[in-house]
Amino acid sequence: MYIGCYGNSKQYLGSDRAKEYCLCTISKLSEKYSDEEISLVFKKKPKEIMKLTEFAAIHCEKNKATVSEKTF
């Protein structure tokens, strides 16, 4: 999941910010969903995925460096 996020975000955010953003997003999704639920979410249609993950994206866009690399 990180690799897909990073690859897509890097071109818009730059390397360092993309790394922070993706780690934050994965952390927020993991707080809300189990591994099995995350797998199910990402098997849905793109619009549904966006709706189910929007809370994490919004949080991580607004809150820089909310997760350190040490968390993973």
C-alpha atoms as a PDB file:
ATOM      1  CA  MET A   1       0.000   0.000   0.000  1.00  0.00           C
ATOM      2  CA  TYR A   2       2.853   2.377   0.851  1.00  0.00           C
ATOM      3  CA  ILE A   3       4.536   1.951  -2.528  1.00  0.00           C
ATOM      4  CA  GLY A   4       1.355   2.806  -4.434  1.00  0.00           C
ATOM      5  CA  CYS A   5       0.700   5.813  -2.241  1.00  0.00           C
ATOM      6  CA  TYR A   6       4.281   7.045  -2.440  1.00  0.00           C
ATOM      7  CA  GLY A   7       4.516   6.657  -6.190  1.00  0.00           C
ATOM      8  CA  ASN A   8       1.320   8.646  -6.724  1.00  0.00           C
ATOM      9  CA  SER A   9       2.029  11.311  -4.094  1.00  0.00           C
ATOM     10  CA  LYS A  10       5.698  11.948  -4.823  1.00  0.00           C
ATOM     11  CA  GLN A  11       5.017  13.847  -8.037  1.00  0.00           C
ATOM     12  CA  TYR A  12       2.685  16.268  -6.234  1.00  0.00           C
ATOM     13  CA  LEU A  13       4.242  16.536  -2.795  1.00  0.00           C
ATOM     14  CA  GLY A  14       7.930  15.825  -3.304  1.00  0.00           C
ATOM     15  CA  SER A  15       9.819  12.897  -1.792  1.00  0.00           C
ATOM     16  CA  ASP A  16       9.938  13.925   1.865  1.00  0.00           C
ATOM     17  CA  ARG A  17       6.355  15.098   2.160  1.00  0.00           C
ATOM     18  CA  ALA A  18       5.059  12.087   0.199  1.00  0.00           C
ATOM     19  CA  LYS A  19       6.811   9.789   2.663  1.00  0.00           C
ATOM     20  CA  GLU A  20       5.240  11.594   5.655  1.00  0.00           C
ATOM     21  CA  TYR A  21       1.827  11.687   4.012  1.00  0.00           C
ATOM     22  CA  CYS A  22       1.808   7.990   3.102  1.00  0.00           C
ATOM     23  CA  LEU A  23       3.013   6.832   6.513  1.00  0.00           C
ATOM     24  CA  CYS A  24       0.339   8.997   8.130  1.00  0.00           C
ATOM     25  CA  THR A  25      -2.375   7.696   5.816  1.00  0.00           C
ATOM     26  CA  ILE A  26      -1.452   4.066   6.452  1.00  0.00           C
ATOM     27  CA  SER A  27      -1.436   4.725  10.191  1.00  0.00           C
ATOM     28  CA  LYS A  28      -4.896   6.336  10.143  1.00  0.00           C
ATOM     29  CA  LEU A  29      -6.352   3.541   8.007  1.00  0.00           C
ATOM     30  CA  SER A  30      -4.852   0.933  10.351  1.00  0.00           C
ATOM     31  CA  GLU A  31      -6.478   2.631  13.336  1.00  0.00           C
ATOM     32  CA  LYS A  32      -9.908   2.345  11.729  1.00  0.00           C
ATOM     33  CA  TYR A  33      -9.714  -0.877   9.714  1.00  0.00           C
ATOM     34  CA  SER A  34      -8.302  -4.357  10.307  1.00  0.00           C
ATOM     35  CA  ASP A  35      -5.901  -5.789   7.713  1.00  0.00           C
ATOM     36  CA  GLU A  36      -8.748  -7.826   6.263  1.00  0.00           C
ATOM     37  CA  GLU A  37     -11.019  -4.774   6.050  1.00  0.00           C
ATOM     38  CA  ILE A  38      -8.270  -2.748   4.332  1.00  0.00           C
ATOM     39  CA  SER A  39      -7.902  -5.498   1.742  1.00  0.00           C
ATOM     40  CA  LEU A  40     -11.650  -5.395   1.109  1.00  0.00           C
ATOM     41  CA  VAL A  41     -11.663  -1.591   0.840  1.00  0.00           C
ATOM     42  CA  PHE A  42      -8.976  -1.625  -1.849  1.00  0.00           C
ATOM     43  CA  LYS A  43     -10.876  -4.213  -3.902  1.00  0.00           C
ATOM     44  CA  LYS A  44     -13.757  -1.773  -4.342  1.00  0.00           C
ATOM     45  CA  LYS A  45     -14.313   0.689  -7.182  1.00  0.00           C
ATOM     46  CA  PRO A  46     -12.152   3.855  -7.108  1.00  0.00           C
ATOM     47  CA  LYS A  47     -15.016   6.126  -5.993  1.00  0.00           C
ATOM     48  CA  GLU A  48     -15.805   3.816  -3.071  1.00  0.00           C
ATOM     49  CA  ILE A  49     -12.128   3.623  -2.091  1.00  0.00           C
ATOM     50  CA  MET A  50     -11.903   7.413  -2.080  1.00  0.00           C
ATOM     51  CA  LYS A  51     -15.004   7.707   0.088  1.00  0.00           C
ATOM     52  CA  LEU A  52     -13.778   5.112   2.619  1.00  0.00           C
ATOM     53  CA  THR A  53     -10.250   6.535   2.871  1.00  0.00           C
ATOM     54  CA  GLU A  54     -11.065  10.239   2.616  1.00  0.00           C
ATOM     55  CA  PHE A  55     -10.884  10.820   6.374  1.00  0.00           C
ATOM     56  CA  ALA A  56      -7.236   9.698   6.439  1.00  0.00           C
ATOM     57  CA  ALA A  57      -6.264  11.748   3.394  1.00  0.00           C
ATOM     58  CA  ILE A  58      -7.848  14.897   4.810  1.00  0.00           C
ATOM     59  CA  HIS A  59      -6.240  14.412   8.211  1.00  0.00           C
ATOM     60  CA  CYS A  60      -2.789  13.766   6.771  1.00  0.00           C
ATOM     61  CA  GLU A  61      -2.963  16.647   4.298  1.00  0.00           C
ATOM     62  CA  LYS A  62      -3.724  19.050   7.163  1.00  0.00           C
ATOM     63  CA  ASN A  63      -1.376  17.597   9.776  1.00  0.00           C
ATOM     64  CA  LYS A  64       2.212  17.413   8.590  1.00  0.00           C
ATOM     65  CA  ALA A  65       4.513  14.967  10.332  1.00  0.00           C
ATOM     66  CA  THR A  66       1.805  13.350  12.440  1.00  0.00           C
ATOM     67  CA  VAL A  67       3.562   9.994  12.150  1.00  0.00           C
ATOM     68  CA  SER A  68       7.274   9.484  12.449  1.00  0.00           C
ATOM     69  CA  GLU A  69       9.211   6.935  10.454  1.00  0.00           C
ATOM     70  CA  LYS A  70       9.962   5.141  13.738  1.00  0.00           C
ATOM     71  CA  THR A  71       6.307   4.089  13.980  1.00  0.00           C
ATOM     72  CA  PHE A  72       6.891   1.515  11.242  1.00  0.00           C
END
